[in-house]
Amino acid sequence: MNDAVADLFDKRRLTLIAGPCIAESLELCLTIARAVQEMCLRHDVGFIFKASFDKANRTSLAGARGPGLAAGLEMLARVRDELHVPVLTDIHAPEQAAPAADVVDVLQIPAFLCRQTDLLVAAAKTKKPVNIKKGQFLAPEDMRHAANKHKESGGGPLSVTERGACFGYHNLVVDMRGLVTMREVTAAAVVFDATHSVQLPGAGDGSTGGERRFAPVLARAAAAVGIDGLFVEVHPHPERALSDGPNSLTPALLDETLRSVCAIDAARRRFA
């Protein structure tokens, strides 16, 4: 495993999973990856670049989907090779697992699909590290079932991610106790998704809204509770992002957030 990937799955130090929601272009991916890589070096945290080749769960048909499997994986391979950083992407169907695993360092199971047995089994059989996002509809303790499917299928290193739970209509809430519970019931590395947790699902009249100003607040709270990884979507111009712009952080806001999160994480580890 790449050092940054091992840092996350072996729980050795805080690791940042960050990138644009959609792999909009190679130029954008490289620009964001370079900026975040430099930040992570300064803050002494691991870095895994993330971008999606397809967004299969858009609110409307008009929503941007991404470049597709072949073009998206080619972009991720270029980022990996040019910057020497590990890369992560999500898969939505079992047949995507093997081709994605040939390119990326970590496979991700989207929150809406965390109970899809065939998808979990296909990802596990690649033997690649897998990050499973907890469904917005799922209790933290129920993530043991997703983790067991992965383990019983011969899967490799595993992490589980909190990304908020449905709270009425068009809103999510984060129960920080869930970070502790998921660690206890899965024994996996635990990641907190700060930007998807501040989404306002379906609140954008055909798209998902978001409240980016609360992402740093929740990230600091999660660091105090105890996490192995922090997941953040970042874009230099969120207002022009093809997906998740309202909750994406700018590079400047991410840098500011990392500074405080790392300080809290270091203090927690001293007393843990």
Protein backbone atom coordinates (compact mmCIF):
# COMPACT_ATOMS: atom_id res chain seq x y z
CA MET A 1 0.00 0.00 0.00
CA ASN A 2 1.00 3.59 -0.58
CA ASP A 3 2.20 5.27 2.65
CA ALA A 4 -0.79 7.63 2.85
CA VAL A 5 -3.21 4.74 2.35
CA ALA A 6 -1.42 2.71 5.03
CA ASP A 7 -1.58 5.71 7.37
CA LEU A 8 -5.37 5.73 7.09
CA PHE A 9 -6.11 2.02 7.24
CA ASP A 10 -3.49 1.30 9.90
CA LYS A 11 -4.75 4.33 11.87
CA ARG A 12 -1.26 5.78 12.16
CA ARG A 13 -1.99 9.44 11.52
CA LEU A 14 -4.76 11.71 10.26
CA THR A 15 -5.34 11.33 6.52
CA LEU A 16 -7.20 13.74 4.25
CA ILE A 17 -9.35 12.41 1.42
CA ALA A 18 -10.03 15.39 -0.82
CA GLY A 19 -10.80 16.48 -4.35
CA PRO A 20 -13.64 17.69 -6.56
CA CYS A 21 -16.97 15.89 -6.51
CA ILE A 22 -16.72 15.16 -10.24
CA ALA A 23 -13.56 14.70 -12.30
CA GLU A 24 -14.55 17.67 -14.44
CA SER A 25 -11.26 17.80 -16.36
CA LEU A 26 -7.67 16.63 -16.04
CA GLU A 27 -6.53 20.22 -15.58
CA LEU A 28 -8.92 20.78 -12.67
CA CYS A 29 -7.96 17.49 -11.01
CA LEU A 30 -4.25 18.26 -11.23
CA THR A 31 -4.72 21.84 -10.00
CA ILE A 32 -6.68 20.75 -6.94
CA ALA A 33 -4.44 17.77 -6.23
CA ARG A 34 -1.28 19.93 -6.32
CA ALA A 35 -2.80 22.54 -3.98
CA VAL A 36 -4.04 19.96 -1.47
CA GLN A 37 -0.84 17.93 -1.64
CA GLU A 38 1.16 21.02 -0.66
CA MET A 39 -1.23 21.72 2.24
CA CYS A 40 -0.96 18.18 3.54
CA LEU A 41 2.82 18.32 3.46
CA ARG A 42 2.74 21.54 5.52
CA HIS A 43 0.25 20.14 8.01
CA ASP A 44 1.90 16.69 8.13
CA VAL A 45 -1.20 14.70 7.23
CA GLY A 46 -1.64 11.91 4.70
CA PHE A 47 -3.36 12.72 1.40
CA ILE A 48 -5.57 10.61 -0.85
CA PHE A 49 -6.98 12.36 -3.92
CA LYS A 50 -10.67 11.76 -4.62
CA ALA A 51 -12.80 12.37 -7.71
CA SER A 52 -15.80 10.59 -9.24
CA PHE A 53 -15.94 9.39 -12.83
CA ASP A 54 -19.74 9.16 -12.57
CA LYS A 55 -22.41 10.52 -10.25
CA ALA A 56 -25.21 8.02 -10.60
CA ASN A 57 -27.47 9.52 -7.92
CA ARG A 58 -28.12 13.05 -9.20
CA THR A 59 -31.35 14.75 -8.16
CA SER A 60 -32.49 15.35 -11.75
CA LEU A 61 -31.70 14.07 -15.23
CA ALA A 62 -30.15 17.46 -16.00
CA GLY A 63 -27.45 16.99 -13.35
CA ALA A 64 -23.90 16.52 -14.61
CA ARG A 65 -22.82 12.88 -14.41
CA GLY A 66 -19.07 13.09 -15.07
CA PRO A 67 -16.68 11.87 -17.79
CA GLY A 68 -17.58 8.18 -17.52
CA LEU A 69 -15.57 5.13 -16.49
CA ALA A 70 -12.80 5.08 -19.11
CA ALA A 71 -12.12 8.82 -19.29
CA GLY A 72 -12.46 9.28 -15.55
CA LEU A 73 -10.05 6.48 -14.70
CA GLU A 74 -7.58 7.89 -17.20
CA MET A 75 -7.67 11.25 -15.37
CA LEU A 76 -7.16 9.56 -12.01
CA ALA A 77 -4.24 7.57 -13.38
CA ARG A 78 -2.61 10.77 -14.61
CA VAL A 79 -3.00 12.43 -11.20
CA ARG A 80 -1.57 9.35 -9.50
CA ASP A 81 1.41 9.09 -11.85
CA GLU A 82 2.27 12.79 -12.18
CA LEU A 83 1.94 13.75 -8.50
CA HIS A 84 2.71 10.37 -6.92
CA VAL A 85 -0.38 10.50 -4.72
CA PRO A 86 -2.86 7.66 -4.09
CA VAL A 87 -6.32 8.09 -5.60
CA LEU A 88 -9.84 7.06 -4.62
CA THR A 89 -13.05 6.84 -6.60
CA ASP A 90 -16.55 5.52 -6.01
CA ILE A 91 -18.20 2.69 -7.90
CA HIS A 92 -21.91 2.22 -8.47
CA ALA A 93 -22.17 -1.21 -10.09
CA PRO A 94 -20.37 -4.53 -9.49
CA GLU A 95 -18.90 -4.58 -13.00
CA GLN A 96 -17.06 -1.30 -12.29
CA ALA A 97 -15.07 -2.78 -9.39
CA ALA A 98 -12.38 -4.65 -11.32
CA PRO A 99 -11.52 -1.94 -13.90
CA ALA A 100 -11.48 0.73 -11.19
CA ALA A 101 -9.27 -1.42 -8.97
CA ASP A 102 -6.73 -1.66 -11.79
CA VAL A 103 -6.19 2.11 -11.52
CA VAL A 104 -7.09 3.45 -8.09
CA ASP A 105 -5.68 2.77 -4.64
CA VAL A 106 -9.00 2.84 -2.77
CA LEU A 107 -12.52 1.91 -3.88
CA GLN A 108 -15.44 3.75 -2.32
CA ILE A 109 -19.01 2.53 -1.82
CA PRO A 110 -21.49 5.46 -1.97
CA ALA A 111 -23.79 6.01 0.99
CA PHE A 112 -26.96 5.23 -0.93
CA LEU A 113 -25.45 1.85 -1.95
CA CYS A 114 -23.92 0.73 1.35
CA ARG A 115 -26.37 -2.18 1.63
CA GLN A 116 -25.95 -3.41 -1.96
CA THR A 117 -24.54 -6.87 -1.40
CA ASP A 118 -23.32 -7.52 -4.94
CA LEU A 119 -21.46 -4.21 -5.01
CA LEU A 120 -19.83 -4.80 -1.61
CA VAL A 121 -18.78 -8.31 -2.59
CA ALA A 122 -17.34 -7.18 -5.94
CA ALA A 123 -15.31 -4.46 -4.23
CA ALA A 124 -14.06 -6.86 -1.57
CA LYS A 125 -12.96 -9.42 -4.16
CA THR A 126 -10.56 -6.93 -5.75
CA LYS A 127 -8.57 -7.03 -2.46
CA LYS A 128 -8.16 -3.25 -2.71
CA PRO A 129 -8.72 -1.06 0.37
CA VAL A 130 -12.39 -0.06 0.51
CA ASN A 131 -14.14 2.92 2.08
CA ILE A 132 -17.85 2.36 2.79
CA LYS A 133 -19.96 5.44 3.41
CA LYS A 134 -22.76 5.05 5.93
CA GLY A 135 -26.18 5.57 4.38
CA GLN A 136 -28.12 8.65 5.45
CA PHE A 137 -30.88 6.22 6.46
CA LEU A 138 -28.69 3.90 8.54
CA ALA A 139 -27.92 3.76 12.26
CA PRO A 140 -24.19 3.72 13.07
CA GLU A 141 -24.38 0.28 14.70
CA ASP A 142 -25.90 -1.16 11.51
CA MET A 143 -22.66 -0.53 9.63
CA ARG A 144 -21.44 -3.79 11.15
CA HIS A 145 -23.49 -5.61 8.52
CA ALA A 146 -21.78 -3.80 5.63
CA ALA A 147 -18.41 -4.41 7.25
CA ASN A 148 -19.20 -8.10 7.73
CA LYS A 149 -20.18 -8.49 4.07
CA HIS A 150 -16.81 -7.03 3.14
CA LYS A 151 -14.84 -9.22 5.54
CA GLU A 152 -16.74 -12.42 4.79
CA SER A 153 -16.08 -11.86 1.08
CA GLY A 154 -12.34 -11.82 1.67
CA GLY A 155 -11.94 -8.07 1.51
CA GLY A 156 -8.78 -6.19 2.42
CA PRO A 157 -8.34 -3.04 4.54
CA LEU A 158 -11.61 -1.27 5.38
CA SER A 159 -12.73 2.18 6.46
CA VAL A 160 -16.24 3.42 7.22
CA THR A 161 -17.42 6.99 6.77
CA GLU A 162 -19.98 9.13 8.57
CA ARG A 163 -21.69 11.62 6.22
CA GLY A 164 -24.77 12.74 8.14
CA ALA A 165 -28.21 11.25 8.73
CA CYS A 166 -31.61 12.30 7.40
CA PHE A 167 -33.27 14.80 9.70
CA GLY A 168 -36.72 15.54 8.35
CA TYR A 169 -36.90 16.86 4.80
CA HIS A 170 -33.97 18.54 3.01
CA ASN A 171 -31.67 18.34 6.00
CA LEU A 172 -28.97 16.20 7.58
CA VAL A 173 -27.64 16.04 11.12
CA VAL A 174 -24.46 14.45 12.53
CA ASP A 175 -24.54 12.44 15.73
CA MET A 176 -20.92 12.46 16.83
CA ARG A 177 -21.54 9.40 19.00
CA GLY A 178 -21.80 7.47 15.74
CA LEU A 179 -18.06 7.85 15.12
CA VAL A 180 -17.37 5.94 18.32
CA THR A 181 -20.09 3.37 17.63
CA MET A 182 -18.88 2.63 14.09
CA ARG A 183 -15.34 2.10 15.35
CA GLU A 184 -16.60 -0.32 18.01
CA VAL A 185 -18.84 -2.41 15.77
CA THR A 186 -16.61 -2.58 12.67
CA ALA A 187 -13.02 -2.34 14.02
CA ALA A 188 -12.37 -0.38 10.81
CA ALA A 189 -10.69 2.98 10.32
CA VAL A 190 -13.23 5.78 10.78
CA VAL A 191 -13.58 8.73 8.41
CA PHE A 192 -15.71 11.85 8.78
CA ASP A 193 -17.13 13.45 5.63
CA ALA A 194 -17.37 17.12 6.55
CA THR A 195 -18.80 18.44 3.29
CA HIS A 196 -21.51 15.88 2.47
CA SER A 197 -22.67 16.20 6.08
CA VAL A 198 -23.70 19.81 5.43
CA GLN A 199 -25.71 19.02 2.30
CA LEU A 200 -29.33 20.04 2.07
CA PRO A 201 -30.57 17.10 -0.05
CA GLY A 202 -32.91 18.11 -2.85
CA ALA A 203 -33.22 21.63 -1.47
CA GLY A 204 -31.81 23.33 -4.57
CA ASP A 205 -34.90 22.98 -6.80
CA GLY A 206 -33.60 20.05 -8.80
CA SER A 207 -30.20 19.89 -7.15
CA THR A 208 -28.72 19.46 -3.69
CA GLY A 209 -28.02 22.55 -1.62
CA GLY A 210 -25.50 22.91 1.16
CA GLU A 211 -24.13 25.07 3.97
CA ARG A 212 -20.37 25.09 3.54
CA ARG A 213 -19.84 27.41 6.54
CA PHE A 214 -20.69 24.56 8.90
CA ALA A 215 -18.23 22.04 7.40
CA PRO A 216 -15.21 23.36 9.38
CA VAL A 217 -17.31 23.37 12.57
CA LEU A 218 -18.26 19.71 12.17
CA ALA A 219 -14.73 18.75 11.11
CA ARG A 220 -13.33 20.21 14.34
CA ALA A 221 -15.95 18.39 16.41
CA ALA A 222 -15.17 15.07 14.69
CA ALA A 223 -11.44 15.54 15.26
CA ALA A 224 -12.12 16.03 18.96
CA VAL A 225 -14.15 12.82 19.13
CA GLY A 226 -11.51 10.88 17.20
CA ILE A 227 -11.20 10.06 13.50
CA ASP A 228 -8.60 8.43 11.29
CA GLY A 229 -9.55 10.30 8.12
CA LEU A 230 -11.25 13.52 7.08
CA PHE A 231 -13.16 13.59 3.78
CA VAL A 232 -13.65 16.96 2.08
CA GLU A 233 -14.77 18.01 -1.38
CA VAL A 234 -12.81 20.99 -2.63
CA HIS A 235 -13.14 23.25 -5.66
CA PRO A 236 -11.38 26.53 -6.55
CA HIS A 237 -14.70 27.99 -7.76
CA PRO A 238 -17.54 26.23 -5.90
CA GLU A 239 -20.15 28.40 -7.58
CA ARG A 240 -19.12 26.86 -10.91
CA ALA A 241 -18.69 23.26 -9.71
CA LEU A 242 -20.68 20.68 -11.68
CA SER A 243 -21.75 18.95 -8.45
CA ASP A 244 -21.86 19.73 -4.73
CA GLY A 245 -20.72 23.33 -5.13
CA PRO A 246 -22.76 24.69 -2.19
CA ASN A 247 -20.96 22.44 0.29
CA SER A 248 -17.48 22.27 -1.33
CA LEU A 249 -14.62 24.12 0.35
CA THR A 250 -12.28 26.48 -1.45
CA PRO A 251 -8.57 25.64 -1.09
CA ALA A 252 -8.15 28.61 1.27
CA LEU A 253 -10.99 27.46 3.52
CA LEU A 254 -9.64 23.91 3.48
CA ASP A 255 -6.19 25.16 4.55
CA GLU A 256 -7.73 27.09 7.44
CA THR A 257 -9.84 24.07 8.42
CA LEU A 258 -6.87 21.70 8.32
CA ARG A 259 -4.88 23.97 10.62
CA SER A 260 -7.47 23.77 13.39
CA VAL A 261 -8.39 20.13 12.79
CA CYS A 262 -4.74 19.05 13.00
CA ALA A 263 -4.24 20.94 16.25
CA ILE A 264 -7.30 19.27 17.78
CA ASP A 265 -6.28 15.85 16.44
CA ALA A 266 -2.78 16.20 17.91
CA ALA A 267 -4.18 17.17 21.31
CA ARG A 268 -6.64 14.27 21.31
CA ARG A 269 -3.95 11.75 20.39
CA ARG A 270 -1.80 12.94 23.31
CA PHE A 271 -4.61 12.19 25.76
CA ALA A 272 -6.03 9.10 24.07
